[in-house]
């Protein structure tokens, strides 16, 4: 089991390899030592012309993810443009699937999603978001990078 990537993301290192202050005071769960990392993604087909509004919804909401045990990182990804939509994906990385599941049952989750799906004059996306969850089964690092940079 490889847990160094989790520690690098959570703690960070200087160029000289010195440990920096923690980026967040979120403890890694025990599961981080025993199971693979978990990646949760939701795909959104954002209506053409609504991209800025969609991004504003995400950038202006308080997620409280940093309060959750095992939370590592969040990314909002913008993908290819199609004729009627632009593909987006929310991407969160967790120390374990159990930590992600705990997030989905938490007050923090309910609060951060309380306005999701509210009626709007113009819909932001087509259909419903499509969830995909992934457990890490293989990790490969670039051997040409310094150890901290590769993690």
Protein backbone atom coordinates (compact mmCIF):
# COMPACT_ATOMS: atom_id res chain seq x y z
CA UNK A 1 0.00 0.00 0.00
CA UNK A 2 1.30 3.41 -0.99
CA UNK A 3 0.18 6.33 1.20
CA UNK A 4 2.90 8.85 0.36
CA UNK A 5 0.74 10.71 -2.22
CA UNK A 6 -1.83 11.39 0.47
CA UNK A 7 0.74 12.77 2.86
CA UNK A 8 2.34 14.91 0.15
CA UNK A 9 -0.99 16.48 -0.76
CA UNK A 10 -2.03 17.02 2.83
CA UNK A 11 1.29 18.21 4.22
CA UNK A 12 3.36 19.44 1.24
CA UNK A 13 7.14 19.77 1.02
CA UNK A 14 9.60 22.52 0.17
CA UNK A 15 12.10 22.11 -2.68
CA UNK A 16 14.65 21.03 -0.09
CA UNK A 17 12.34 18.26 1.12
CA UNK A 18 11.45 20.00 4.38
CA UNK A 19 7.91 19.41 5.59
CA UNK A 20 5.73 22.55 5.41
CA UNK A 21 2.79 23.39 7.65
CA UNK A 22 -0.29 21.35 7.01
CA UNK A 23 -2.50 22.77 4.27
CA UNK A 24 -5.56 21.67 6.26
CA UNK A 25 -6.09 20.29 9.72
CA UNK A 26 -8.03 17.31 8.39
CA UNK A 27 -6.89 13.99 9.81
CA UNK A 28 -6.34 11.10 7.43
CA UNK A 29 -8.59 8.24 8.34
CA UNK A 30 -7.24 4.89 9.40
CA UNK A 31 -8.63 3.61 6.10
CA UNK A 32 -6.03 5.69 4.23
CA UNK A 33 -3.38 3.33 5.57
CA UNK A 34 -5.33 0.18 4.73
CA UNK A 35 -7.13 0.83 1.43
CA UNK A 36 -6.64 2.58 -1.91
CA UNK A 37 -7.46 6.20 -2.57
CA UNK A 38 -10.99 6.90 -3.85
CA UNK A 39 -11.90 9.36 -6.61
CA UNK A 40 -15.49 10.60 -6.94
CA UNK A 41 -16.57 12.33 -10.13
CA UNK A 42 -19.83 13.83 -11.39
CA UNK A 43 -20.19 14.65 -15.09
CA UNK A 44 -22.36 17.57 -16.12
CA UNK A 45 -23.49 18.46 -19.64
CA UNK A 46 -23.66 22.24 -19.28
CA UNK A 47 -25.95 24.03 -21.71
CA UNK A 48 -24.03 26.14 -24.26
CA UNK A 49 -23.91 29.73 -23.05
CA UNK A 50 -24.40 28.77 -19.37
CA UNK A 51 -20.77 27.86 -18.64
CA UNK A 52 -20.02 31.05 -16.69
CA UNK A 53 -23.16 30.71 -14.57
CA UNK A 54 -22.32 27.04 -13.87
CA UNK A 55 -18.77 27.93 -12.82
CA UNK A 56 -20.07 30.73 -10.59
CA UNK A 57 -22.38 28.31 -8.77
CA UNK A 58 -19.37 26.14 -7.94
CA UNK A 59 -16.93 28.93 -7.10
CA UNK A 60 -19.39 30.77 -4.82
CA UNK A 61 -20.67 27.88 -2.72
CA UNK A 62 -19.23 26.85 0.63
CA UNK A 63 -18.48 23.13 0.38
CA UNK A 64 -17.10 22.47 3.89
CA UNK A 65 -15.10 19.62 2.35
CA UNK A 66 -12.09 20.69 4.40
CA UNK A 67 -13.99 19.70 7.54
CA UNK A 68 -14.27 16.08 6.42
CA UNK A 69 -11.93 13.31 7.47
CA UNK A 70 -10.06 11.83 4.51
CA UNK A 71 -10.75 14.71 2.09
CA UNK A 72 -7.69 15.36 -0.08
CA UNK A 73 -8.60 17.62 -3.01
CA UNK A 74 -11.38 18.99 -5.20
CA UNK A 75 -11.16 20.01 -8.87
CA UNK A 76 -13.79 21.34 -11.23
CA UNK A 77 -12.77 20.23 -14.72
CA UNK A 78 -13.91 21.72 -18.02
CA UNK A 79 -13.92 19.31 -20.93
CA UNK A 80 -14.74 19.30 -24.61
CA UNK A 81 -17.45 21.41 -26.19
CA UNK A 82 -20.19 19.63 -28.11
CA UNK A 83 -22.92 21.09 -30.30
CA UNK A 84 -25.40 21.59 -27.44
CA UNK A 85 -23.27 21.45 -24.29
CA UNK A 86 -19.85 21.70 -22.66
CA UNK A 87 -18.74 18.76 -20.53
CA UNK A 88 -17.70 19.47 -16.94
CA UNK A 89 -16.67 17.12 -14.17
CA UNK A 90 -16.41 17.63 -10.43
CA UNK A 91 -13.50 15.54 -9.14
CA UNK A 92 -12.84 14.88 -5.44
CA UNK A 93 -10.07 12.74 -4.06
CA UNK A 94 -10.54 10.92 -0.77
CA UNK A 95 -8.31 8.76 1.40
CA UNK A 96 -10.89 5.97 1.16
CA UNK A 97 -14.30 5.07 -0.20
CA UNK A 98 -15.56 5.01 3.39
CA UNK A 99 -14.50 8.65 3.86
CA UNK A 100 -16.38 9.62 0.69
CA UNK A 101 -19.48 7.73 1.84
CA UNK A 102 -19.32 9.51 5.20
CA UNK A 103 -19.24 12.83 3.30
CA UNK A 104 -22.42 11.93 1.39
CA UNK A 105 -24.22 11.29 4.70
CA UNK A 106 -22.94 14.39 6.48
CA UNK A 107 -24.52 17.71 7.42
CA UNK A 108 -21.73 19.37 5.39
CA UNK A 109 -22.89 17.51 2.26
CA UNK A 110 -26.53 18.44 2.81
CA UNK A 111 -25.65 22.09 3.37
CA UNK A 112 -23.41 22.36 0.31
CA UNK A 113 -26.02 20.70 -1.93
CA UNK A 114 -29.13 22.39 -0.55
CA UNK A 115 -29.65 24.56 -3.67
CA UNK A 116 -28.81 21.84 -6.19
CA UNK A 117 -31.58 21.14 -8.67
CA UNK A 118 -33.54 24.28 -7.81
CA UNK A 119 -35.70 25.53 -10.69
CA UNK A 120 -34.01 28.22 -12.78
CA UNK A 121 -35.30 30.40 -15.61
CA UNK A 122 -32.74 28.70 -17.84
CA UNK A 123 -31.42 25.21 -16.97
CA UNK A 124 -27.66 25.05 -16.40
CA UNK A 125 -27.19 21.47 -17.56
CA UNK A 126 -28.89 18.77 -19.59
CA UNK A 127 -30.29 15.83 -17.65
CA UNK A 128 -28.90 14.74 -14.31
CA UNK A 129 -25.23 14.66 -13.27
CA UNK A 130 -23.64 11.27 -13.90
CA UNK A 131 -21.73 9.92 -10.89
CA UNK A 132 -18.60 7.79 -11.27
CA UNK A 133 -16.56 6.46 -8.35
CA UNK A 134 -13.10 4.93 -8.69
CA UNK A 135 -10.79 3.08 -6.31
CA UNK A 136 -7.08 3.28 -7.06
CA UNK A 137 -5.68 -0.12 -8.01
CA UNK A 138 -2.37 0.93 -9.57
CA UNK A 139 -0.13 3.96 -9.08
CA UNK A 140 2.81 4.80 -11.31
CA UNK A 141 5.21 7.67 -10.68
CA UNK A 142 7.61 9.43 -12.99
CA UNK A 143 11.02 8.11 -11.89
CA UNK A 144 12.73 11.15 -13.45
CA UNK A 145 11.11 13.60 -11.05
CA UNK A 146 12.30 14.18 -7.48
CA UNK A 147 10.38 11.92 -5.11
CA UNK A 148 8.24 14.75 -3.62
CA UNK A 149 7.31 16.12 -7.08
CA UNK A 150 6.33 12.67 -8.35
CA UNK A 151 3.97 12.13 -5.43
